[in-house]
């Protein structure tokens, strides 16, 4: 006889895992990778890299301090994405940032995303149009 699988704990487990990933993502993003307990890389697209130093400084600060997570931009509650707009020198920009979770070789997705021992983060900063 086959028993029905009890999934009541799965949602709790998924929520706990998402919260753990969110905490690690926040720690990585807010310290710019200086917290070596959450290893990874930070990159920006050519479009962002080509902006003025002042514009890049604003972008980096806004990414680091981002805290406006909503159901729309963070449906999994793991803090892997953010978006904002800013203006400088009469130019308006819409910026996205995202964190992808890879294995230690950066060759495929991590099998244990909540485990920083086997997961590497890549924080990518881009223009919305580059997404």
Protein backbone atom coordinates (compact mmCIF):
# COMPACT_ATOMS: atom_id res chain seq x y z
CA UNK A 1 0.00 0.00 0.00
CA UNK A 2 1.34 3.42 -0.93
CA UNK A 3 1.20 6.14 1.68
CA UNK A 4 0.60 9.76 0.83
CA UNK A 5 3.71 11.85 1.21
CA UNK A 6 3.58 14.31 4.08
CA UNK A 7 4.51 17.66 2.53
CA UNK A 8 3.61 19.83 5.52
CA UNK A 9 7.27 20.11 6.50
CA UNK A 10 8.47 20.79 2.94
CA UNK A 11 7.15 24.36 2.92
CA UNK A 12 8.82 24.99 6.25
CA UNK A 13 12.07 23.51 4.92
CA UNK A 14 11.84 25.57 1.73
CA UNK A 15 11.17 28.70 3.78
CA UNK A 16 14.12 28.00 6.06
CA UNK A 17 16.40 27.33 3.10
CA UNK A 18 15.26 30.53 1.35
CA UNK A 19 15.88 32.50 4.55
CA UNK A 20 19.37 31.03 4.86
CA UNK A 21 20.17 31.84 1.22
CA UNK A 22 18.77 35.36 1.66
CA UNK A 23 20.97 35.95 4.69
CA UNK A 24 24.05 34.73 2.83
CA UNK A 25 23.17 36.77 -0.28
CA UNK A 26 22.70 39.89 1.83
CA UNK A 27 25.98 39.30 3.62
CA UNK A 28 27.80 38.81 0.31
CA UNK A 29 26.20 41.85 -1.34
CA UNK A 30 26.52 44.26 1.59
CA UNK A 31 30.17 43.41 2.25
CA UNK A 32 31.15 43.30 -1.45
CA UNK A 33 32.49 39.81 -0.92
CA UNK A 34 34.79 40.89 1.91
CA UNK A 35 33.08 38.32 4.16
CA UNK A 36 34.99 35.28 2.94
CA UNK A 37 32.52 32.90 4.59
CA UNK A 38 30.25 33.60 1.59
CA UNK A 39 32.57 33.36 -1.44
CA UNK A 40 31.86 34.67 -4.90
CA UNK A 41 32.52 37.26 -7.58
CA UNK A 42 31.04 40.64 -8.44
CA UNK A 43 30.80 41.65 -12.09
CA UNK A 44 29.16 44.38 -14.11
CA UNK A 45 28.10 44.35 -17.72
CA UNK A 46 29.88 46.42 -20.33
CA UNK A 47 26.99 48.91 -20.34
CA UNK A 48 27.43 49.63 -16.63
CA UNK A 49 31.22 49.48 -16.82
CA UNK A 50 31.20 52.17 -19.50
CA UNK A 51 29.37 54.68 -17.26
CA UNK A 52 31.16 57.52 -15.53
CA UNK A 53 32.98 56.83 -12.26
CA UNK A 54 30.37 58.94 -10.42
CA UNK A 55 27.50 56.92 -11.90
CA UNK A 56 29.22 53.63 -11.03
CA UNK A 57 29.82 54.82 -7.47
CA UNK A 58 26.10 55.56 -7.07
CA UNK A 59 25.16 52.20 -8.56
CA UNK A 60 27.54 50.26 -6.32
CA UNK A 61 26.27 52.05 -3.23
CA UNK A 62 22.62 51.47 -4.20
CA UNK A 63 23.24 47.76 -4.83
CA UNK A 64 25.07 47.38 -1.53
CA UNK A 65 22.36 49.14 0.47
CA UNK A 66 19.36 47.69 -1.42
CA UNK A 67 16.64 46.54 0.99
CA UNK A 68 13.41 47.01 -0.96
CA UNK A 69 12.49 43.36 -1.38
CA UNK A 70 8.87 42.74 -2.35
CA UNK A 71 6.75 39.86 -3.56
CA UNK A 72 7.24 41.20 -7.11
CA UNK A 73 11.05 41.34 -7.13
CA UNK A 74 11.71 38.57 -4.60
CA UNK A 75 9.03 35.88 -5.00
CA UNK A 76 11.27 33.14 -3.55
CA UNK A 77 12.39 35.36 -0.65
CA UNK A 78 16.04 34.57 -1.26
CA UNK A 79 17.22 38.12 -2.10
CA UNK A 80 18.71 37.18 -5.48
CA UNK A 81 17.41 40.20 -7.43
CA UNK A 82 16.96 43.93 -7.12
CA UNK A 83 16.05 46.87 -9.35
CA UNK A 84 16.22 50.63 -8.96
CA UNK A 85 16.32 53.84 -10.94
CA UNK A 86 18.54 56.87 -10.52
CA UNK A 87 19.46 60.03 -12.36
CA UNK A 88 22.82 61.72 -12.78
CA UNK A 89 23.91 64.47 -15.14
CA UNK A 90 20.47 64.62 -16.74
CA UNK A 91 20.54 60.91 -17.62
CA UNK A 92 18.16 58.38 -16.11
CA UNK A 93 19.14 54.77 -15.56
CA UNK A 94 17.23 51.64 -14.61
CA UNK A 95 19.60 49.15 -13.01
CA UNK A 96 19.11 45.48 -12.23
CA UNK A 97 21.35 43.31 -10.10
CA UNK A 98 21.09 39.57 -9.62
CA UNK A 99 22.90 36.87 -7.74
CA UNK A 100 23.36 33.45 -9.30
CA UNK A 101 24.43 30.45 -7.22
CA UNK A 102 27.04 28.14 -8.75
CA UNK A 103 29.10 25.14 -7.78
CA UNK A 104 32.70 25.75 -6.64
CA UNK A 105 33.98 25.56 -10.22
CA UNK A 106 31.43 28.14 -11.47
CA UNK A 107 30.41 25.61 -14.13
CA UNK A 108 26.81 24.81 -13.12
CA UNK A 109 24.21 25.60 -10.51
CA UNK A 110 24.91 24.60 -6.94
CA UNK A 111 23.25 21.42 -5.70
CA UNK A 112 23.21 22.84 -2.17
CA UNK A 113 22.52 26.55 -2.58
CA UNK A 114 22.28 27.19 1.16
CA UNK A 115 25.69 25.65 1.84
CA UNK A 116 28.48 28.23 1.33
CA UNK A 117 31.09 25.44 1.44
CA UNK A 118 29.89 24.20 -1.97
CA UNK A 119 28.26 27.33 -3.41
CA UNK A 120 29.81 30.34 -5.12
CA UNK A 121 27.87 33.52 -5.83
CA UNK A 122 28.10 35.73 -8.87
CA UNK A 123 26.56 39.18 -8.39
CA UNK A 124 25.93 40.77 -11.78
CA UNK A 125 25.07 44.47 -12.12
CA UNK A 126 23.46 45.54 -15.41
CA UNK A 127 21.23 48.00 -17.20
CA UNK A 128 17.64 46.74 -17.28
CA UNK A 129 17.92 46.65 -21.08
CA UNK A 130 20.81 44.16 -20.78
CA UNK A 131 18.76 41.62 -18.84
